[in-house]
Protein backbone atom coordinates (compact mmCIF):
# COMPACT_ATOMS: atom_id res chain seq x y z
CA UNK A 1 0.00 0.00 0.00
CA UNK A 2 2.75 2.44 0.84
CA UNK A 3 4.33 1.94 -2.57
CA UNK A 4 1.08 2.70 -4.41
CA UNK A 5 0.75 6.03 -2.52
CA UNK A 6 4.25 6.99 -3.67
CA UNK A 7 3.27 6.30 -7.28
CA UNK A 8 -0.08 8.04 -6.90
CA UNK A 9 1.33 11.32 -5.51
CA UNK A 10 3.74 12.11 -8.43
CA UNK A 11 1.12 11.05 -10.97
CA UNK A 12 -1.42 13.40 -9.39
CA UNK A 13 1.11 16.25 -9.49
CA UNK A 14 1.81 15.57 -13.18
CA UNK A 15 -1.90 15.57 -13.93
CA UNK A 16 -2.43 18.88 -12.09
CA UNK A 17 0.56 20.48 -13.84
CA UNK A 18 -0.79 19.22 -17.18
CA UNK A 19 -4.21 20.73 -16.51
CA UNK A 20 -2.71 24.09 -15.49
CA UNK A 21 -0.48 24.06 -18.58
CA UNK A 22 -3.52 23.34 -20.78
CA UNK A 23 -5.40 26.30 -19.27
CA UNK A 24 -2.40 28.59 -19.76
CA UNK A 25 -1.97 27.44 -23.36
CA UNK A 26 -5.69 27.96 -24.03
CA UNK A 27 -5.49 31.51 -22.65
CA UNK A 28 -2.54 32.29 -24.93
CA UNK A 29 -4.38 30.92 -27.95
CA UNK A 30 -7.47 33.03 -27.25
CA UNK A 31 -5.34 36.21 -26.96
CA UNK A 32 -3.60 35.32 -30.21
CA UNK A 33 -6.98 34.85 -31.89
CA UNK A 34 -8.07 38.30 -30.73
CA UNK A 35 -4.91 39.91 -32.15
CA UNK A 36 -4.71 37.86 -35.36
CA UNK A 37 -6.73 40.41 -37.34
CA UNK A 38 -4.19 41.97 -39.68
CA UNK A 39 -6.29 44.85 -41.06
CA UNK A 40 -8.50 47.59 -39.69
CA UNK A 41 -11.43 49.36 -41.28
CA UNK A 42 -11.57 53.10 -40.82
CA UNK A 43 -14.93 54.70 -41.52
CA UNK A 44 -15.99 58.26 -41.07
CA UNK A 45 -17.30 61.51 -42.42
CA UNK A 46 -15.43 64.53 -43.76
CA UNK A 47 -17.11 67.92 -43.40
CA UNK A 48 -16.32 71.41 -44.60
CA UNK A 49 -16.92 74.49 -42.45
CA UNK A 50 -17.20 77.87 -44.17
CA UNK A 51 -17.19 80.96 -41.93
CA UNK A 52 -19.42 83.98 -42.35
CA UNK A 53 -17.35 86.37 -44.47
CA UNK A 54 -19.16 89.67 -44.26
CA UNK A 55 -21.78 91.44 -46.26
CA UNK A 56 -25.22 92.06 -44.82
CA UNK A 57 -25.63 92.17 -41.04
CA UNK A 58 -25.65 88.50 -40.05
CA UNK A 59 -28.15 86.73 -37.90
CA UNK A 60 -26.65 84.82 -34.94
CA UNK A 61 -27.08 81.65 -37.01
CA UNK A 62 -25.18 83.17 -39.97
CA UNK A 63 -22.30 84.21 -37.68
CA UNK A 64 -21.66 80.53 -36.94
CA UNK A 65 -20.91 79.84 -40.60
CA UNK A 66 -22.04 76.69 -42.34
CA UNK A 67 -20.83 73.12 -42.07
CA UNK A 68 -21.71 70.69 -44.84
CA UNK A 69 -20.55 67.23 -45.90
CA UNK A 70 -17.40 67.42 -48.03
CA UNK A 71 -18.74 65.45 -51.01
CA UNK A 72 -16.47 63.74 -53.55
CA UNK A 73 -13.29 64.76 -51.73
CA UNK A 74 -10.29 62.54 -52.45
CA UNK A 75 -7.66 61.74 -49.84
CA UNK A 76 -4.59 59.51 -49.60
CA UNK A 77 -3.12 57.57 -46.69
CA UNK A 78 0.62 57.17 -45.94
CA UNK A 79 2.53 55.30 -43.23
CA UNK A 80 3.25 57.68 -40.36
CA UNK A 81 6.73 59.28 -40.59
CA UNK A 82 7.16 58.04 -44.17
CA UNK A 83 9.88 60.04 -45.91
CA UNK A 84 8.56 59.49 -49.46
CA UNK A 85 4.84 59.99 -48.71
CA UNK A 86 3.99 56.92 -50.76
CA UNK A 87 0.23 56.29 -50.64
CA UNK A 88 -0.75 52.94 -49.14
CA UNK A 89 -4.44 53.64 -49.75
CA UNK A 90 -6.77 56.25 -51.24
CA UNK A 91 -10.43 57.03 -50.81
CA UNK A 92 -13.06 59.48 -52.02
CA UNK A 93 -16.00 60.62 -49.92
CA UNK A 94 -19.53 60.00 -51.14
CA UNK A 95 -22.15 62.74 -51.58
CA UNK A 96 -22.70 62.81 -47.79
CA UNK A 97 -18.98 63.03 -46.96
CA UNK A 98 -18.78 59.39 -45.82
CA UNK A 99 -15.76 57.20 -46.48
CA UNK A 100 -14.41 53.76 -45.63
CA UNK A 101 -10.88 52.44 -46.08
CA UNK A 102 -9.23 49.17 -45.06
CA UNK A 103 -5.62 49.33 -43.88
CA UNK A 104 -3.02 46.99 -42.44
CA UNK A 105 -2.52 47.50 -38.69
CA UNK A 106 -0.29 50.50 -38.01
CA UNK A 107 -0.06 54.25 -37.73
CA UNK A 108 -1.02 56.47 -40.66
CA UNK A 109 -1.32 60.09 -41.77
CA UNK A 110 -4.15 61.15 -44.06
CA UNK A 111 -3.76 64.01 -46.55
CA UNK A 112 -6.14 65.67 -48.98
CA UNK A 113 -5.29 65.09 -52.65
CA UNK A 114 -4.50 68.81 -52.95
CA UNK A 115 -1.25 67.89 -51.09
CA UNK A 116 -0.31 65.10 -53.49
CA UNK A 117 2.81 65.43 -55.60
CA UNK A 118 6.02 67.36 -55.07
CA UNK A 119 6.32 70.44 -52.91
CA UNK A 120 7.38 72.43 -56.00
CA UNK A 121 4.10 71.55 -57.76
CA UNK A 122 2.18 72.30 -54.55
CA UNK A 123 3.74 75.80 -54.37
CA UNK A 124 2.88 76.56 -57.99
CA UNK A 125 -0.76 75.53 -57.45
CA UNK A 126 -1.25 77.23 -54.07
CA UNK A 127 0.73 80.47 -54.04
CA UNK A 128 -1.73 82.91 -55.62
CA UNK A 129 -5.30 83.53 -56.66
CA UNK A 130 -7.62 86.37 -57.58
CA UNK A 131 -6.93 89.11 -55.01
CA UNK A 132 -4.75 86.67 -53.05
CA UNK A 133 -1.02 86.81 -52.30
CA UNK A 134 1.22 84.33 -50.56
CA UNK A 135 2.19 85.23 -46.98
CA UNK A 136 5.41 83.19 -47.16
CA UNK A 137 6.76 79.90 -48.48
CA UNK A 138 7.41 78.54 -44.96
CA UNK A 139 3.68 78.67 -44.29
CA UNK A 140 3.05 76.60 -47.44
CA UNK A 141 5.75 74.11 -46.41
CA UNK A 142 4.16 73.67 -42.99
CA UNK A 143 0.67 73.28 -44.50
CA UNK A 144 1.95 70.79 -47.11
CA UNK A 145 3.66 68.66 -44.45
CA UNK A 146 0.77 68.68 -41.97
CA UNK A 147 -1.67 65.80 -42.40
CA UNK A 148 -5.40 66.46 -42.20
CA UNK A 149 -5.63 63.79 -39.49
CA UNK A 150 -3.79 60.71 -38.23
CA UNK A 151 -4.90 57.17 -37.57
CA UNK A 152 -3.30 55.32 -34.67
CA UNK A 153 -5.43 52.31 -34.13
CA UNK A 154 -5.22 48.59 -33.65
CA UNK A 155 -8.98 48.15 -34.14
CA UNK A 156 -11.74 49.35 -36.44
CA UNK A 157 -12.22 53.10 -36.01
CA UNK A 158 -14.77 55.81 -36.77
CA UNK A 159 -13.46 59.31 -37.51
CA UNK A 160 -15.16 62.66 -38.01
CA UNK A 161 -12.99 65.40 -39.49
CA UNK A 162 -13.96 68.96 -40.42
CA UNK A 163 -11.94 71.15 -42.76
CA UNK A 164 -12.15 74.83 -41.85
CA UNK A 165 -12.05 77.29 -44.72
CA UNK A 166 -11.01 80.87 -44.45
CA UNK A 167 -12.72 83.84 -45.99
CA UNK A 168 -11.33 84.38 -49.50
CA UNK A 169 -8.63 81.69 -49.21
CA UNK A 170 -10.70 78.50 -49.02
CA UNK A 171 -8.58 75.78 -47.36
CA UNK A 172 -5.26 77.56 -47.89
CA UNK A 173 -4.16 79.28 -44.66
CA UNK A 174 -1.13 80.83 -46.38
CA UNK A 175 -2.90 83.28 -48.68
CA UNK A 176 -3.70 86.85 -47.74
CA UNK A 177 -6.71 88.58 -49.31
CA UNK A 178 -5.88 92.00 -50.82
CA UNK A 179 -9.08 92.66 -52.77
CA UNK A 180 -12.03 94.95 -52.08
CA UNK A 181 -14.13 94.48 -48.98
CA UNK A 182 -17.65 93.12 -49.25
CA UNK A 183 -20.39 95.76 -49.12
């Protein structure tokens, strides 16, 4: 009898260790399953706010400006801190400003298509307009290099972003209006 107890005790310990190991392995597998998704879906809406720019005496509602969906607006996505700004994805909003894009897990910057291409091309397209003059090239460089928004997510995400226009310069913060004032 004494010998059978000696055999029973180590066997019981092995069985208990095996059960604990199985539970630990199962926990690891379930965490791996949760993190095995290799892509995220980013959905959202892009809006465009236009301020009240003068003219007739505004009502309090007019002073707030107007915010509308930014329909048919194209944007591109690059890996965060990418030196070449190579697009990994692109999307265009629908008529209500909605978009959806699927990306590999990671961190990204999102730019409007008006910032696509070289800085030299960007300067030539954005340095003047009717009654508009460029404040300085450094302002354009900063605007060109600043993403509209960033995505830092390991899971599906919903984003709402609003562009803010300026009076007489639309989205370009680097232009100064030199034309006549509104009546």
